[in-house]
Amino acid sequence: MYSIKTDLHTHTIFSGHAYSTIGENAHEAAKKRLTAIGMTDHFGIISTEMQDNGLPNVGPMMNKAALPKYIEGVRVLHGVEMDIADLKGKLAFTDFYPDFFGHKSEVSFGERLLSTRDLVIASLHFFDGCKDGTVAQNTEMYIGALQNRYVDIIGHPCRPGVEFDMRELARAAKALNKCLEVNDHTFDTPDAVNNCQALAECCAEEGTSIVVSSDAHSAWFIGEFDRAKSMLEEIHFPEELIANRTLESFAALRGKNFD
């Protein structure tokens, strides 16, 4: 069975519908001998609370200095799962330029957050008309999100139930040295499993890197991706294309330094 030592897609209580803290997630990761986890709480038009001052609530996300890099020996990456907000692949709040002390910001609120992240997952959850796109429009949406300089991974592309050109997306991800996600939580949606396998097969044929993630919304599911791994083994997916098999392999693909 493939060895995957990092879980780059996890959630904490800050997501609002998850159950565990960063410490609890890291503790579980250490028990399962993972070397790193991505702390990728949701941030989107629907999921993000707006404050009385009209700004999105980033809560503890911007307070990176309050956390050590390692908790129980596990490297904790400060990430975000950012919502795709339209059929062009725009990300949430990247066209929102708030007033700070009476002056219009020159940098969008979304970009301010993205620029601080170790890791960015762009995912489709909901926006008006998100299920109305054609195959070509949906493909353009995902590729547009990939082209954002901060995005590392397209999250669970097969789960939202929109059709897209898998081969075109796989080729775009390869060209950009970015990843498509095989998300174990997707296996809770039976209708999405065949599409997930078809996308993995396209990635294998095109030489496109993937990440295998739990999408854990509680500590008990950190590092749990046996269903995804079993599917990949059944199709003989090349292990070297699993970018998060180690933190070093993911960092090398993305040109990052997580020291």
C-alpha atoms as a PDB file:
ATOM      1  CA  MET A   1       0.000   0.000   0.000  1.00  0.00           C
ATOM      2  CA  TYR A   2       1.195   3.485  -0.813  1.00  0.00           C
ATOM      3  CA  SER A   3       2.900   5.440   1.953  1.00  0.00           C
ATOM      4  CA  ILE A   4       1.398   8.921   2.339  1.00  0.00           C
ATOM      5  CA  LYS A   5       2.915  10.864   5.216  1.00  0.00           C
ATOM      6  CA  THR A   6       1.027  14.162   4.977  1.00  0.00           C
ATOM      7  CA  ASP A   7      -2.654  15.093   5.107  1.00  0.00           C
ATOM      8  CA  LEU A   8      -2.942  18.482   3.465  1.00  0.00           C
ATOM      9  CA  HIS A   9      -6.718  18.996   3.739  1.00  0.00           C
ATOM     10  CA  THR A  10      -8.104  19.152   7.290  1.00  0.00           C
ATOM     11  CA  HIS A  11     -10.547  21.358   9.190  1.00  0.00           C
ATOM     12  CA  THR A  12     -10.825  22.769  12.697  1.00  0.00           C
ATOM     13  CA  ILE A  13     -13.661  24.251  14.730  1.00  0.00           C
ATOM     14  CA  PHE A  14     -13.045  27.597  12.973  1.00  0.00           C
ATOM     15  CA  SER A  15     -14.759  26.147   9.886  1.00  0.00           C
ATOM     16  CA  GLY A  16     -17.977  26.218  11.907  1.00  0.00           C
ATOM     17  CA  HIS A  17     -19.127  22.717  11.008  1.00  0.00           C
ATOM     18  CA  ALA A  18     -16.047  20.792  12.161  1.00  0.00           C
ATOM     19  CA  TYR A  19     -15.423  19.372  15.606  1.00  0.00           C
ATOM     20  CA  SER A  20     -11.751  19.494  16.602  1.00  0.00           C
ATOM     21  CA  THR A  21      -8.997  21.944  17.455  1.00  0.00           C
ATOM     22  CA  ILE A  22      -5.614  22.293  15.785  1.00  0.00           C
ATOM     23  CA  GLY A  23      -4.008  20.576  18.768  1.00  0.00           C
ATOM     24  CA  GLU A  24      -6.403  17.637  18.596  1.00  0.00           C
ATOM     25  CA  ASN A  25      -5.788  17.250  14.866  1.00  0.00           C
ATOM     26  CA  ALA A  26      -2.018  17.388  15.321  1.00  0.00           C
ATOM     27  CA  HIS A  27      -2.189  14.873  18.179  1.00  0.00           C
ATOM     28  CA  GLU A  28      -4.077  12.424  15.958  1.00  0.00           C
ATOM     29  CA  ALA A  29      -1.626  13.015  13.119  1.00  0.00           C
ATOM     30  CA  ALA A  30       1.269  12.227  15.453  1.00  0.00           C
ATOM     31  CA  LYS A  31      -0.451   9.015  16.594  1.00  0.00           C
ATOM     32  CA  LYS A  32      -0.755   7.964  12.943  1.00  0.00           C
ATOM     33  CA  ARG A  33       2.879   8.891  12.269  1.00  0.00           C
ATOM     34  CA  LEU A  34       2.122  11.622   9.792  1.00  0.00           C
ATOM     35  CA  THR A  35       4.828  14.231   9.359  1.00  0.00           C
ATOM     36  CA  ALA A  36       2.593  17.172   8.363  1.00  0.00           C
ATOM     37  CA  ILE A  37      -0.990  18.367   8.169  1.00  0.00           C
ATOM     38  CA  GLY A  38      -2.554  21.277   6.319  1.00  0.00           C
ATOM     39  CA  MET A  39      -4.839  23.424   8.431  1.00  0.00           C
ATOM     40  CA  THR A  40      -7.236  24.400   5.634  1.00  0.00           C
ATOM     41  CA  ASP A  41     -10.365  25.896   7.129  1.00  0.00           C
ATOM     42  CA  HIS A  42     -13.150  27.094   4.842  1.00  0.00           C
ATOM     43  CA  PHE A  43     -13.276  30.655   3.545  1.00  0.00           C
ATOM     44  CA  GLY A  44     -16.074  31.623   1.204  1.00  0.00           C
ATOM     45  CA  ILE A  45     -19.030  33.864   0.514  1.00  0.00           C
ATOM     46  CA  ILE A  46     -21.504  31.508   2.198  1.00  0.00           C
ATOM     47  CA  SER A  47     -19.325  29.937   4.894  1.00  0.00           C
ATOM     48  CA  THR A  48     -17.565  33.034   6.238  1.00  0.00           C
ATOM     49  CA  GLU A  49     -19.058  35.177   8.980  1.00  0.00           C
ATOM     50  CA  MET A  50     -19.131  38.913   8.322  1.00  0.00           C
ATOM     51  CA  GLN A  51     -18.199  41.223  11.174  1.00  0.00           C
ATOM     52  CA  ASP A  52     -20.027  44.366  12.248  1.00  0.00           C
ATOM     53  CA  ASN A  53     -17.356  46.457  10.486  1.00  0.00           C
ATOM     54  CA  GLY A  54     -18.266  44.829   7.152  1.00  0.00           C
ATOM     55  CA  LEU A  55     -15.107  42.713   6.897  1.00  0.00           C
ATOM     56  CA  PRO A  56     -14.963  38.924   6.701  1.00  0.00           C
ATOM     57  CA  ASN A  57     -14.004  37.236   9.955  1.00  0.00           C
ATOM     58  CA  VAL A  58     -10.597  35.646   9.512  1.00  0.00           C
ATOM     59  CA  GLY A  59     -10.475  34.832  13.227  1.00  0.00           C
ATOM     60  CA  PRO A  60      -7.212  33.093  14.140  1.00  0.00           C
ATOM     61  CA  MET A  61      -6.146  32.589  10.517  1.00  0.00           C
ATOM     62  CA  MET A  62      -3.970  35.711  10.448  1.00  0.00           C
ATOM     63  CA  ASN A  63      -2.404  35.051  13.853  1.00  0.00           C
ATOM     64  CA  LYS A  64       0.249  32.623  12.643  1.00  0.00           C
ATOM     65  CA  ALA A  65       2.750  33.716  15.261  1.00  0.00           C
ATOM     66  CA  ALA A  66       0.553  32.251  18.022  1.00  0.00           C
ATOM     67  CA  LEU A  67       1.272  28.696  16.863  1.00  0.00           C
ATOM     68  CA  PRO A  68       4.532  26.759  16.718  1.00  0.00           C
ATOM     69  CA  LYS A  69       5.489  25.254  13.379  1.00  0.00           C
ATOM     70  CA  TYR A  70       5.563  21.810  14.956  1.00  0.00           C
ATOM     71  CA  ILE A  71       3.014  20.330  17.337  1.00  0.00           C
ATOM     72  CA  GLU A  72       3.947  16.923  18.758  1.00  0.00           C
ATOM     73  CA  GLY A  73       6.504  16.641  15.970  1.00  0.00           C
ATOM     74  CA  VAL A  74       3.958  17.295  13.214  1.00  0.00           C
ATOM     75  CA  ARG A  75       4.557  20.213  10.850  1.00  0.00           C
ATOM     76  CA  VAL A  76       1.381  22.307  10.785  1.00  0.00           C
ATOM     77  CA  LEU A  77       0.900  24.269   7.562  1.00  0.00           C
ATOM     78  CA  HIS A  78      -1.244  27.408   7.655  1.00  0.00           C
ATOM     79  CA  GLY A  79      -3.616  26.914   4.758  1.00  0.00           C
ATOM     80  CA  VAL A  80      -7.102  27.720   3.551  1.00  0.00           C
ATOM     81  CA  GLU A  81      -9.801  26.045   1.503  1.00  0.00           C
ATOM     82  CA  MET A  82     -10.928  29.014  -0.575  1.00  0.00           C
ATOM     83  CA  ASP A  83     -14.238  28.936  -2.414  1.00  0.00           C
ATOM     84  CA  ILE A  84     -14.375  29.304  -6.171  1.00  0.00           C
ATOM     85  CA  ALA A  85     -16.851  32.148  -6.621  1.00  0.00           C
ATOM     86  CA  ASP A  86     -17.785  32.229 -10.321  1.00  0.00           C
ATOM     87  CA  LEU A  87     -17.503  30.361 -13.622  1.00  0.00           C
ATOM     88  CA  LYS A  88     -14.262  32.185 -14.449  1.00  0.00           C
ATOM     89  CA  GLY A  89     -12.531  30.653 -11.436  1.00  0.00           C
ATOM     90  CA  LYS A  90     -12.422  33.809  -9.325  1.00  0.00           C
ATOM     91  CA  LEU A  91     -11.822  33.090  -5.652  1.00  0.00           C
ATOM     92  CA  ALA A  92     -13.893  34.403  -2.761  1.00  0.00           C
ATOM     93  CA  PHE A  93     -13.317  38.026  -1.721  1.00  0.00           C
ATOM     94  CA  THR A  94     -10.641  38.599  -4.392  1.00  0.00           C
ATOM     95  CA  ASP A  95     -12.769  41.408  -5.841  1.00  0.00           C
ATOM     96  CA  PHE A  96     -13.561  42.902  -2.421  1.00  0.00           C
ATOM     97  CA  TYR A  97     -11.555  46.068  -1.691  1.00  0.00           C
ATOM     98  CA  PRO A  98     -12.586  47.306   1.765  1.00  0.00           C
ATOM     99  CA  ASP A  99     -12.030  50.689   3.325  1.00  0.00           C
ATOM    100  CA  PHE A 100      -9.369  50.775   6.027  1.00  0.00           C
ATOM    101  CA  PHE A 101      -9.554  53.931   8.131  1.00  0.00           C
ATOM    102  CA  GLY A 102     -11.272  55.817   5.321  1.00  0.00           C
ATOM    103  CA  HIS A 103      -8.899  54.667   2.566  1.00  0.00           C
ATOM    104  CA  LYS A 104      -9.798  52.126  -0.107  1.00  0.00           C
ATOM    105  CA  SER A 105      -7.412  49.179   0.001  1.00  0.00           C
ATOM    106  CA  GLU A 106      -5.304  48.619  -3.113  1.00  0.00           C
ATOM    107  CA  VAL A 107      -5.150  44.884  -2.342  1.00  0.00           C
ATOM    108  CA  SER A 108      -8.299  42.793  -2.190  1.00  0.00           C
ATOM    109  CA  PHE A 109      -9.282  41.180   1.091  1.00  0.00           C
ATOM    110  CA  GLY A 110      -9.007  37.737  -0.464  1.00  0.00           C
ATOM    111  CA  GLU A 111      -5.496  38.358  -1.707  1.00  0.00           C
ATOM    112  CA  ARG A 112      -4.419  39.651   1.697  1.00  0.00           C
ATOM    113  CA  LEU A 113      -5.408  36.305   3.168  1.00  0.00           C
ATOM    114  CA  LEU A 114      -4.033  34.189   0.318  1.00  0.00           C
ATOM    115  CA  SER A 115      -0.641  35.882   0.482  1.00  0.00           C
ATOM    116  CA  THR A 116      -0.165  34.687   4.073  1.00  0.00           C
ATOM    117  CA  ARG A 117      -0.908  30.992   3.424  1.00  0.00           C
ATOM    118  CA  ASP A 118       1.547  28.108   3.257  1.00  0.00           C
ATOM    119  CA  LEU A 119      -1.027  26.141   1.286  1.00  0.00           C
ATOM    120  CA  VAL A 120      -4.125  27.054  -0.754  1.00  0.00           C
ATOM    121  CA  ILE A 121      -6.882  24.684  -1.882  1.00  0.00           C
ATOM    122  CA  ALA A 122      -9.474  26.111  -4.288  1.00  0.00           C
ATOM    123  CA  SER A 123     -12.795  24.247  -4.154  1.00  0.00           C
ATOM    124  CA  LEU A 124     -16.259  24.554  -5.579  1.00  0.00           C
ATOM    125  CA  HIS A 125     -18.985  24.610  -2.933  1.00  0.00           C
ATOM    126  CA  PHE A 126     -21.634  27.106  -3.963  1.00  0.00           C
ATOM    127  CA  PHE A 127     -22.244  30.323  -5.849  1.00  0.00           C
ATOM    128  CA  ASP A 128     -25.296  31.514  -7.763  1.00  0.00           C
ATOM    129  CA  GLY A 129     -25.396  29.540 -11.007  1.00  0.00           C
ATOM    130  CA  CYS A 130     -22.658  27.107 -10.011  1.00  0.00           C
ATOM    131  CA  LYS A 131     -24.633  24.156 -11.410  1.00  0.00           C
ATOM    132  CA  ASP A 132     -25.642  25.917 -14.643  1.00  0.00           C
ATOM    133  CA  GLY A 133     -22.311  25.876 -16.476  1.00  0.00           C
ATOM    134  CA  THR A 134     -21.559  23.889 -19.605  1.00  0.00           C
ATOM    135  CA  VAL A 135     -18.699  21.376 -19.679  1.00  0.00           C
ATOM    136  CA  ALA A 136     -16.530  24.029 -21.332  1.00  0.00           C
ATOM    137  CA  GLN A 137     -17.475  26.670 -18.745  1.00  0.00           C
ATOM    138  CA  ASN A 138     -16.857  24.309 -15.823  1.00  0.00           C
ATOM    139  CA  THR A 139     -13.468  23.382 -17.252  1.00  0.00           C
ATOM    140  CA  GLU A 140     -12.635  27.066 -17.653  1.00  0.00           C
ATOM    141  CA  MET A 141     -13.723  27.625 -14.043  1.00  0.00           C
ATOM    142  CA  TYR A 142     -11.317  25.043 -12.635  1.00  0.00           C
ATOM    143  CA  ILE A 143      -8.453  26.111 -14.899  1.00  0.00           C
ATOM    144  CA  GLY A 144      -9.079  29.751 -13.995  1.00  0.00           C
ATOM    145  CA  ALA A 145      -8.765  28.879 -10.305  1.00  0.00           C
ATOM    146  CA  LEU A 146      -5.566  26.915 -11.004  1.00  0.00           C
ATOM    147  CA  GLN A 147      -4.090  29.953 -12.710  1.00  0.00           C
ATOM    148  CA  ASN A 148      -4.339  31.994  -9.521  1.00  0.00           C
ATOM    149  CA  ARG A 149      -0.722  32.278  -8.402  1.00  0.00           C
ATOM    150  CA  TYR A 150      -1.531  31.324  -4.827  1.00  0.00           C
ATOM    151  CA  VAL A 151      -3.497  28.139  -5.555  1.00  0.00           C
ATOM    152  CA  ASP A 152      -1.718  24.818  -5.034  1.00  0.00           C
ATOM    153  CA  ILE A 153      -4.574  22.312  -5.296  1.00  0.00           C
ATOM    154  CA  ILE A 154      -8.043  22.001  -6.789  1.00  0.00           C
ATOM    155  CA  GLY A 155     -10.067  20.419  -3.999  1.00  0.00           C
ATOM    156  CA  HIS A 156     -12.470  17.495  -4.570  1.00  0.00           C
ATOM    157  CA  PRO A 157     -13.196  18.422  -8.228  1.00  0.00           C
ATOM    158  CA  CYS A 158     -15.449  15.391  -8.758  1.00  0.00           C
ATOM    159  CA  ARG A 159     -17.721  15.870  -5.749  1.00  0.00           C
ATOM    160  CA  PRO A 160     -19.847  18.947  -6.607  1.00  0.00           C
ATOM    161  CA  GLY A 161     -21.619  17.165  -9.460  1.00  0.00           C
ATOM    162  CA  VAL A 162     -20.527  19.430 -12.318  1.00  0.00           C
ATOM    163  CA  GLU A 163     -19.135  17.990 -15.540  1.00  0.00           C
ATOM    164  CA  PHE A 164     -15.779  19.178 -16.862  1.00  0.00           C
ATOM    165  CA  ASP A 165     -13.131  18.042 -19.323  1.00  0.00           C
ATOM    166  CA  MET A 166     -10.906  15.894 -17.106  1.00  0.00           C
ATOM    167  CA  ARG A 167      -8.068  15.597 -19.580  1.00  0.00           C
ATOM    168  CA  GLU A 168      -7.920  19.320 -20.249  1.00  0.00           C
ATOM    169  CA  LEU A 169      -7.869  20.024 -16.514  1.00  0.00           C
ATOM    170  CA  ALA A 170      -5.173  17.410 -15.912  1.00  0.00           C
ATOM    171  CA  ARG A 171      -3.020  18.919 -18.636  1.00  0.00           C
ATOM    172  CA  ALA A 172      -3.461  22.415 -17.229  1.00  0.00           C
ATOM    173  CA  ALA A 173      -2.509  21.266 -13.733  1.00  0.00           C
ATOM    174  CA  LYS A 174       0.615  19.548 -15.051  1.00  0.00           C
ATOM    175  CA  ALA A 175       1.649  22.614 -17.038  1.00  0.00           C
ATOM    176  CA  LEU A 176       1.343  24.743 -13.888  1.00  0.00           C
ATOM    177  CA  ASN A 177       3.023  22.201 -11.543  1.00  0.00           C
ATOM    178  CA  LYS A 178      -0.150  22.122  -9.473  1.00  0.00           C
ATOM    179  CA  CYS A 179      -2.246  19.284  -8.077  1.00  0.00           C
ATOM    180  CA  LEU A 180      -5.717  17.829  -8.349  1.00  0.00           C
ATOM    181  CA  GLU A 181      -7.120  16.248  -5.227  1.00  0.00           C
ATOM    182  CA  VAL A 182      -8.299  12.690  -4.682  1.00  0.00           C
ATOM    183  CA  ASN A 183     -10.353  13.298  -1.577  1.00  0.00           C
ATOM    184  CA  ASP A 184     -11.309  10.354   0.624  1.00  0.00           C
ATOM    185  CA  HIS A 185     -14.440  12.156   1.788  1.00  0.00           C
ATOM    186  CA  THR A 186     -15.636  12.024  -1.835  1.00  0.00           C
ATOM    187  CA  PHE A 187     -16.111   8.280  -1.369  1.00  0.00           C
ATOM    188  CA  ASP A 188     -19.081   9.111   0.873  1.00  0.00           C
ATOM    189  CA  THR A 189     -20.831  10.241  -2.342  1.00  0.00           C
ATOM    190  CA  PRO A 190     -21.262   7.049  -4.426  1.00  0.00           C
ATOM    191  CA  ASP A 191     -22.151   8.925  -7.604  1.00  0.00           C
ATOM    192  CA  ALA A 192     -18.790  10.700  -7.514  1.00  0.00           C
ATOM    193  CA  VAL A 193     -16.526   7.661  -7.110  1.00  0.00           C
ATOM    194  CA  ASN A 194     -16.449   6.631 -10.778  1.00  0.00           C
ATOM    195  CA  ASN A 195     -15.632  10.182 -11.798  1.00  0.00           C
ATOM    196  CA  CYS A 196     -12.897  10.306  -9.184  1.00  0.00           C
ATOM    197  CA  GLN A 197     -11.328   7.177 -10.662  1.00  0.00           C
ATOM    198  CA  ALA A 198     -11.663   8.514 -14.207  1.00  0.00           C
ATOM    199  CA  LEU A 199      -9.882  11.720 -13.199  1.00  0.00           C
ATOM    200  CA  ALA A 200      -7.100   9.734 -11.510  1.00  0.00           C
ATOM    201  CA  GLU A 201      -6.667   7.694 -14.684  1.00  0.00           C
ATOM    202  CA  CYS A 202      -6.371  10.900 -16.723  1.00  0.00           C
ATOM    203  CA  CYS A 203      -3.775  12.223 -14.304  1.00  0.00           C
ATOM    204  CA  ALA A 204      -1.765   8.992 -14.577  1.00  0.00           C
ATOM    205  CA  GLU A 205      -1.836   9.150 -18.377  1.00  0.00           C
ATOM    206  CA  GLU A 206      -0.904  12.842 -18.478  1.00  0.00           C
ATOM    207  CA  GLY A 207       1.719  12.686 -15.716  1.00  0.00           C
ATOM    208  CA  THR A 208      -0.259  15.074 -13.528  1.00  0.00           C
ATOM    209  CA  SER A 209       0.421  15.174  -9.798  1.00  0.00           C
ATOM    210  CA  ILE A 210      -2.343  14.580  -7.283  1.00  0.00           C
ATOM    211  CA  VAL A 211      -2.722  14.901  -3.546  1.00  0.00           C
ATOM    212  CA  VAL A 212      -4.587  12.336  -1.468  1.00  0.00           C
ATOM    213  CA  SER A 213      -6.428  13.929   1.449  1.00  0.00           C
ATOM    214  CA  SER A 214      -8.863  13.064   4.205  1.00  0.00           C
ATOM    215  CA  ASP A 215     -10.829  16.339   4.245  1.00  0.00           C
ATOM    216  CA  ALA A 216     -11.224  15.517   7.931  1.00  0.00           C
ATOM    217  CA  HIS A 217     -13.809  17.531   9.845  1.00  0.00           C
ATOM    218  CA  SER A 218     -12.880  15.890  13.123  1.00  0.00           C
ATOM    219  CA  ALA A 219      -9.626  14.574  14.550  1.00  0.00           C
ATOM    220  CA  TRP A 220     -10.791  10.964  14.247  1.00  0.00           C
ATOM    221  CA  PHE A 221     -10.538  11.149  10.444  1.00  0.00           C
ATOM    222  CA  ILE A 222      -7.098  12.757  10.189  1.00  0.00           C
ATOM    223  CA  GLY A 223      -4.931  10.639   7.894  1.00  0.00           C
ATOM    224  CA  GLU A 224      -7.813   8.360   6.939  1.00  0.00           C
ATOM    225  CA  PHE A 225      -7.634   7.862   3.181  1.00  0.00           C
ATOM    226  CA  ASP A 226      -7.641   4.099   2.710  1.00  0.00           C
ATOM    227  CA  ARG A 227     -10.557   4.199   0.254  1.00  0.00           C
ATOM    228  CA  ALA A 228      -8.743   6.642  -2.000  1.00  0.00           C
ATOM    229  CA  LYS A 229      -5.503   4.695  -1.724  1.00  0.00           C
ATOM    230  CA  SER A 230      -7.227   1.411  -2.560  1.00  0.00           C
ATOM    231  CA  MET A 231      -8.755   2.899  -5.699  1.00  0.00           C
ATOM    232  CA  LEU A 232      -5.398   4.288  -6.785  1.00  0.00           C
ATOM    233  CA  GLU A 233      -3.717   0.939  -6.216  1.00  0.00           C
ATOM    234  CA  GLU A 234      -6.388  -0.854  -8.229  1.00  0.00           C
ATOM    235  CA  ILE A 235      -5.613   1.319 -11.259  1.00  0.00           C
ATOM    236  CA  HIS A 236      -1.831   1.123 -10.599  1.00  0.00           C
ATOM    237  CA  PHE A 237      -1.539   4.872 -10.205  1.00  0.00           C
ATOM    238  CA  PRO A 238       2.155   5.893 -10.241  1.00  0.00           C
ATOM    239  CA  GLU A 239       3.192   6.506  -6.645  1.00  0.00           C
ATOM    240  CA  GLU A 240       5.665   9.178  -7.725  1.00  0.00           C
ATOM    241  CA  LEU A 241       2.727  11.308  -8.900  1.00  0.00           C
ATOM    242  CA  ILE A 242       1.260  11.427  -5.373  1.00  0.00           C
ATOM    243  CA  ALA A 243       2.765  14.777  -4.438  1.00  0.00           C
ATOM    244  CA  ASN A 244       1.974  14.576  -0.730  1.00  0.00           C
ATOM    245  CA  ARG A 245       3.576  11.198  -0.136  1.00  0.00           C
ATOM    246  CA  THR A 246       6.082  13.299   1.829  1.00  0.00           C
ATOM    247  CA  LEU A 247       6.162  16.985   2.714  1.00  0.00           C
ATOM    248  CA  GLU A 248       9.423  17.236   0.784  1.00  0.00           C
ATOM    249  CA  SER A 249       7.889  15.857  -2.426  1.00  0.00           C
ATOM    250  CA  PHE A 250       5.018  18.346  -2.243  1.00  0.00           C
ATOM    251  CA  ALA A 251       7.382  21.233  -1.479  1.00  0.00           C
ATOM    252  CA  ALA A 252       9.610  20.283  -4.420  1.00  0.00           C
ATOM    253  CA  LEU A 253       6.700  20.220  -6.876  1.00  0.00           C
ATOM    254  CA  ARG A 254       5.406  23.578  -5.703  1.00  0.00           C
ATOM    255  CA  GLY A 255       8.787  25.244  -5.245  1.00  0.00           C
ATOM    256  CA  LYS A 256       8.148  25.909  -1.565  1.00  0.00           C
ATOM    257  CA  ASN A 257      10.287  25.833   1.547  1.00  0.00           C
ATOM    258  CA  PHE A 258       8.530  24.642   4.689  1.00  0.00           C
ATOM    259  CA  ASP A 259      11.565  24.803   7.006  1.00  0.00           C
END
